[in-house]
Amino acid sequence: MSEFSVAEVRDSIKEILINECVIDSELIKPEAGLIDDLGLDSMTAVSLLTSLEEKYSICLEDDLSELPETFADLVRFVSGKLTN
């Protein structure tokens, strides 16, 4: 069982997007597309995934053939990895 709630995962991903990926907090909504709305490119996506792997001591890239489409999808994906 995960020691992190979905809300904690959501907040930590949002924090990384704001602080490390330099994305305006007003843009980060559940339905926001990571590429279309938040402007993530491949380098930023790798940086985001690396930060999440380090924070949660998990491996994301092996199970991720492509970046989840929305912010909510990414939260669900990371939360799912933490419960497995």
N, C-alpha and C. Protein backbone atom coordinates (compact mmCIF):
# COMPACT_ATOMS: atom_id res chain seq x y z
N MET A 1 0.84 -1.19 0.00
CA MET A 1 0.00 0.00 0.00
C MET A 1 0.88 1.25 0.00
N SER A 2 0.48 2.24 -0.71
CA SER A 2 1.24 3.47 -0.84
C SER A 2 1.16 4.30 0.44
N GLU A 3 2.27 4.94 0.76
CA GLU A 3 2.26 5.86 1.89
C GLU A 3 1.87 7.26 1.44
N PHE A 4 1.63 7.43 0.15
CA PHE A 4 1.27 8.73 -0.41
C PHE A 4 -0.17 8.70 -0.93
N SER A 5 -0.94 9.71 -0.57
CA SER A 5 -2.31 9.80 -1.08
C SER A 5 -2.27 10.35 -2.50
N VAL A 6 -3.37 10.19 -3.21
CA VAL A 6 -3.47 10.73 -4.56
C VAL A 6 -3.29 12.24 -4.51
N ALA A 7 -3.84 12.89 -3.49
CA ALA A 7 -3.70 14.34 -3.35
C ALA A 7 -2.23 14.74 -3.17
N GLU A 8 -1.49 13.96 -2.40
CA GLU A 8 -0.06 14.24 -2.21
C GLU A 8 0.71 14.08 -3.52
N VAL A 9 0.38 13.03 -4.27
CA VAL A 9 1.03 12.81 -5.56
C VAL A 9 0.70 13.96 -6.50
N ARG A 10 -0.57 14.33 -6.56
CA ARG A 10 -1.00 15.44 -7.41
C ARG A 10 -0.24 16.72 -7.05
N ASP A 11 -0.16 17.02 -5.76
CA ASP A 11 0.51 18.24 -5.33
C ASP A 11 2.01 18.21 -5.63
N SER A 12 2.64 17.04 -5.50
CA SER A 12 4.07 16.97 -5.77
C SER A 12 4.36 17.10 -7.27
N ILE A 13 3.50 16.52 -8.11
CA ILE A 13 3.68 16.67 -9.56
C ILE A 13 3.48 18.13 -9.94
N LYS A 14 2.47 18.75 -9.36
CA LYS A 14 2.22 20.17 -9.65
C LYS A 14 3.42 21.02 -9.22
N GLU A 15 3.96 20.73 -8.06
CA GLU A 15 5.13 21.47 -7.57
C GLU A 15 6.32 21.33 -8.52
N ILE A 16 6.55 20.11 -9.01
CA ILE A 16 7.66 19.89 -9.95
C ILE A 16 7.40 20.65 -11.25
N LEU A 17 6.17 20.61 -11.74
CA LEU A 17 5.84 21.33 -12.97
C LEU A 17 6.07 22.83 -12.82
N ILE A 18 5.72 23.37 -11.66
CA ILE A 18 5.88 24.81 -11.42
C ILE A 18 7.35 25.17 -11.23
N ASN A 19 8.03 24.45 -10.35
CA ASN A 19 9.38 24.83 -9.96
C ASN A 19 10.48 24.38 -10.91
N GLU A 20 10.36 23.18 -11.45
CA GLU A 20 11.43 22.66 -12.30
C GLU A 20 11.14 22.83 -13.79
N CYS A 21 9.89 22.74 -14.16
CA CYS A 21 9.53 22.86 -15.57
C CYS A 21 9.06 24.27 -15.92
N VAL A 22 8.98 25.13 -14.92
CA VAL A 22 8.61 26.54 -15.07
C VAL A 22 7.28 26.70 -15.81
N ILE A 23 6.25 26.07 -15.26
CA ILE A 23 4.92 26.15 -15.84
C ILE A 23 4.04 26.95 -14.87
N ASP A 24 3.25 27.84 -15.42
CA ASP A 24 2.34 28.69 -14.64
C ASP A 24 1.32 27.81 -13.91
N SER A 25 1.18 28.01 -12.61
CA SER A 25 0.28 27.19 -11.79
C SER A 25 -1.17 27.28 -12.26
N GLU A 26 -1.54 28.41 -12.83
CA GLU A 26 -2.92 28.59 -13.31
C GLU A 26 -3.25 27.66 -14.47
N LEU A 27 -2.25 27.19 -15.18
CA LEU A 27 -2.46 26.30 -16.33
C LEU A 27 -2.64 24.84 -15.91
N ILE A 28 -2.21 24.51 -14.69
CA ILE A 28 -2.20 23.11 -14.26
C ILE A 28 -3.56 22.73 -13.68
N LYS A 29 -4.34 22.08 -14.51
CA LYS A 29 -5.69 21.62 -14.15
C LYS A 29 -5.78 20.15 -14.54
N PRO A 30 -6.69 19.40 -13.94
CA PRO A 30 -6.77 17.96 -14.24
C PRO A 30 -6.86 17.66 -15.73
N GLU A 31 -7.61 18.45 -16.47
CA GLU A 31 -7.82 18.17 -17.89
C GLU A 31 -6.73 18.75 -18.79
N ALA A 32 -5.77 19.46 -18.21
CA ALA A 32 -4.72 20.10 -19.00
C ALA A 32 -3.85 19.05 -19.70
N GLY A 33 -3.71 19.20 -21.00
CA GLY A 33 -2.83 18.32 -21.77
C GLY A 33 -1.38 18.65 -21.45
N LEU A 34 -0.58 17.63 -21.18
CA LEU A 34 0.81 17.87 -20.81
C LEU A 34 1.59 18.52 -21.95
N ILE A 35 1.30 18.14 -23.16
CA ILE A 35 2.00 18.70 -24.31
C ILE A 35 1.25 19.92 -24.85
N ASP A 36 -0.02 19.76 -25.14
CA ASP A 36 -0.79 20.83 -25.78
C ASP A 36 -1.02 22.04 -24.88
N ASP A 37 -1.39 21.81 -23.63
CA ASP A 37 -1.74 22.92 -22.74
C ASP A 37 -0.57 23.40 -21.88
N LEU A 38 0.26 22.46 -21.42
CA LEU A 38 1.36 22.84 -20.53
C LEU A 38 2.67 23.03 -21.27
N GLY A 39 2.73 22.61 -22.52
CA GLY A 39 3.89 22.86 -23.35
C GLY A 39 5.10 21.99 -23.08
N LEU A 40 4.89 20.81 -22.47
CA LEU A 40 6.02 19.93 -22.23
C LEU A 40 6.58 19.42 -23.55
N ASP A 41 7.90 19.45 -23.67
CA ASP A 41 8.56 18.82 -24.80
C ASP A 41 9.28 17.58 -24.27
N SER A 42 9.99 16.89 -25.12
CA SER A 42 10.60 15.62 -24.71
C SER A 42 11.63 15.83 -23.59
N MET A 43 12.40 16.90 -23.65
CA MET A 43 13.41 17.16 -22.61
C MET A 43 12.76 17.46 -21.27
N THR A 44 11.70 18.27 -21.29
CA THR A 44 10.99 18.61 -20.06
C THR A 44 10.30 17.38 -19.49
N ALA A 45 9.75 16.54 -20.35
CA ALA A 45 9.08 15.32 -19.89
C ALA A 45 10.07 14.39 -19.20
N VAL A 46 11.26 14.24 -19.77
CA VAL A 46 12.29 13.39 -19.16
C VAL A 46 12.68 13.96 -17.80
N SER A 47 12.83 15.25 -17.71
CA SER A 47 13.18 15.91 -16.44
C SER A 47 12.08 15.67 -15.40
N LEU A 48 10.84 15.80 -15.81
CA LEU A 48 9.70 15.56 -14.91
C LEU A 48 9.70 14.13 -14.41
N LEU A 49 9.84 13.17 -15.32
CA LEU A 49 9.83 11.75 -14.94
C LEU A 49 11.01 11.42 -14.02
N THR A 50 12.17 11.97 -14.31
CA THR A 50 13.35 11.74 -13.47
C THR A 50 13.11 12.27 -12.06
N SER A 51 12.55 13.45 -11.96
CA SER A 51 12.25 14.04 -10.64
C SER A 51 11.27 13.17 -9.87
N LEU A 52 10.25 12.67 -10.57
CA LEU A 52 9.26 11.81 -9.90
C LEU A 52 9.87 10.48 -9.47
N GLU A 53 10.74 9.92 -10.31
CA GLU A 53 11.41 8.67 -9.95
C GLU A 53 12.27 8.86 -8.71
N GLU A 54 12.98 9.97 -8.64
CA GLU A 54 13.84 10.24 -7.49
C GLU A 54 13.00 10.48 -6.23
N LYS A 55 11.94 11.24 -6.36
CA LYS A 55 11.10 11.56 -5.20
C LYS A 55 10.46 10.32 -4.60
N TYR A 56 9.96 9.43 -5.46
CA TYR A 56 9.20 8.27 -4.99
C TYR A 56 9.97 6.95 -5.05
N SER A 57 11.21 6.99 -5.48
CA SER A 57 12.03 5.77 -5.61
C SER A 57 11.32 4.70 -6.43
N ILE A 58 10.84 5.11 -7.59
CA ILE A 58 10.16 4.20 -8.51
C ILE A 58 10.78 4.37 -9.90
N CYS A 59 10.48 3.41 -10.77
CA CYS A 59 10.94 3.50 -12.16
C CYS A 59 9.70 3.71 -13.04
N LEU A 60 9.64 4.82 -13.71
CA LEU A 60 8.49 5.15 -14.54
C LEU A 60 8.73 4.87 -16.01
N GLU A 61 9.92 5.18 -16.48
CA GLU A 61 10.18 5.14 -17.92
C GLU A 61 10.08 3.74 -18.50
N ASP A 62 10.38 2.71 -17.74
CA ASP A 62 10.30 1.34 -18.26
C ASP A 62 8.86 0.95 -18.60
N ASP A 63 7.90 1.50 -17.87
CA ASP A 63 6.49 1.17 -18.07
C ASP A 63 5.74 2.23 -18.86
N LEU A 64 6.47 3.15 -19.42
CA LEU A 64 5.83 4.30 -20.06
C LEU A 64 6.33 4.42 -21.50
N SER A 65 5.51 3.96 -22.43
CA SER A 65 5.90 4.06 -23.83
C SER A 65 5.69 5.48 -24.36
N GLU A 66 4.75 6.19 -23.77
CA GLU A 66 4.54 7.59 -24.11
C GLU A 66 3.99 8.31 -22.90
N LEU A 67 4.17 9.61 -22.88
CA LEU A 67 3.73 10.43 -21.77
C LEU A 67 2.21 10.41 -21.67
N PRO A 68 1.66 10.25 -20.46
CA PRO A 68 0.20 10.35 -20.33
C PRO A 68 -0.30 11.66 -20.93
N GLU A 69 -1.52 11.65 -21.42
CA GLU A 69 -2.04 12.80 -22.15
C GLU A 69 -2.31 14.03 -21.28
N THR A 70 -2.93 13.82 -20.12
CA THR A 70 -3.31 14.95 -19.28
C THR A 70 -2.63 14.90 -17.92
N PHE A 71 -2.73 16.02 -17.21
CA PHE A 71 -2.20 16.09 -15.85
C PHE A 71 -2.86 15.01 -14.97
N ALA A 72 -4.17 14.87 -15.08
CA ALA A 72 -4.88 13.85 -14.29
C ALA A 72 -4.41 12.44 -14.64
N ASP A 73 -4.14 12.18 -15.92
CA ASP A 73 -3.64 10.87 -16.34
C ASP A 73 -2.28 10.59 -15.70
N LEU A 74 -1.42 11.61 -15.65
CA LEU A 74 -0.11 11.44 -15.04
C LEU A 74 -0.22 11.16 -13.55
N VAL A 75 -1.12 11.87 -12.88
CA VAL A 75 -1.34 11.63 -11.44
C VAL A 75 -1.80 10.19 -11.22
N ARG A 76 -2.75 9.72 -12.04
CA ARG A 76 -3.24 8.34 -11.91
C ARG A 76 -2.12 7.33 -12.18
N PHE A 77 -1.31 7.61 -13.20
CA PHE A 77 -0.22 6.70 -13.55
C PHE A 77 0.78 6.56 -12.39
N VAL A 78 1.22 7.70 -11.87
CA VAL A 78 2.20 7.68 -10.76
C VAL A 78 1.59 7.05 -9.52
N SER A 79 0.35 7.42 -9.20
CA SER A 79 -0.32 6.83 -8.03
C SER A 79 -0.45 5.32 -8.17
N GLY A 80 -0.74 4.85 -9.38
CA GLY A 80 -0.82 3.41 -9.64
C GLY A 80 0.50 2.72 -9.43
N LYS A 81 1.60 3.34 -9.84
CA LYS A 81 2.92 2.76 -9.63
C LYS A 81 3.25 2.66 -8.15
N LEU A 82 2.75 3.60 -7.35
CA LEU A 82 3.04 3.60 -5.92
C LEU A 82 2.24 2.55 -5.16
N THR A 83 1.14 2.09 -5.74
CA THR A 83 0.33 1.08 -5.06
C THR A 83 0.69 -0.33 -5.49
N ASN A 84 1.53 -0.47 -6.52
CA ASN A 84 1.93 -1.80 -7.00
C ASN A 84 3.24 -2.23 -6.39
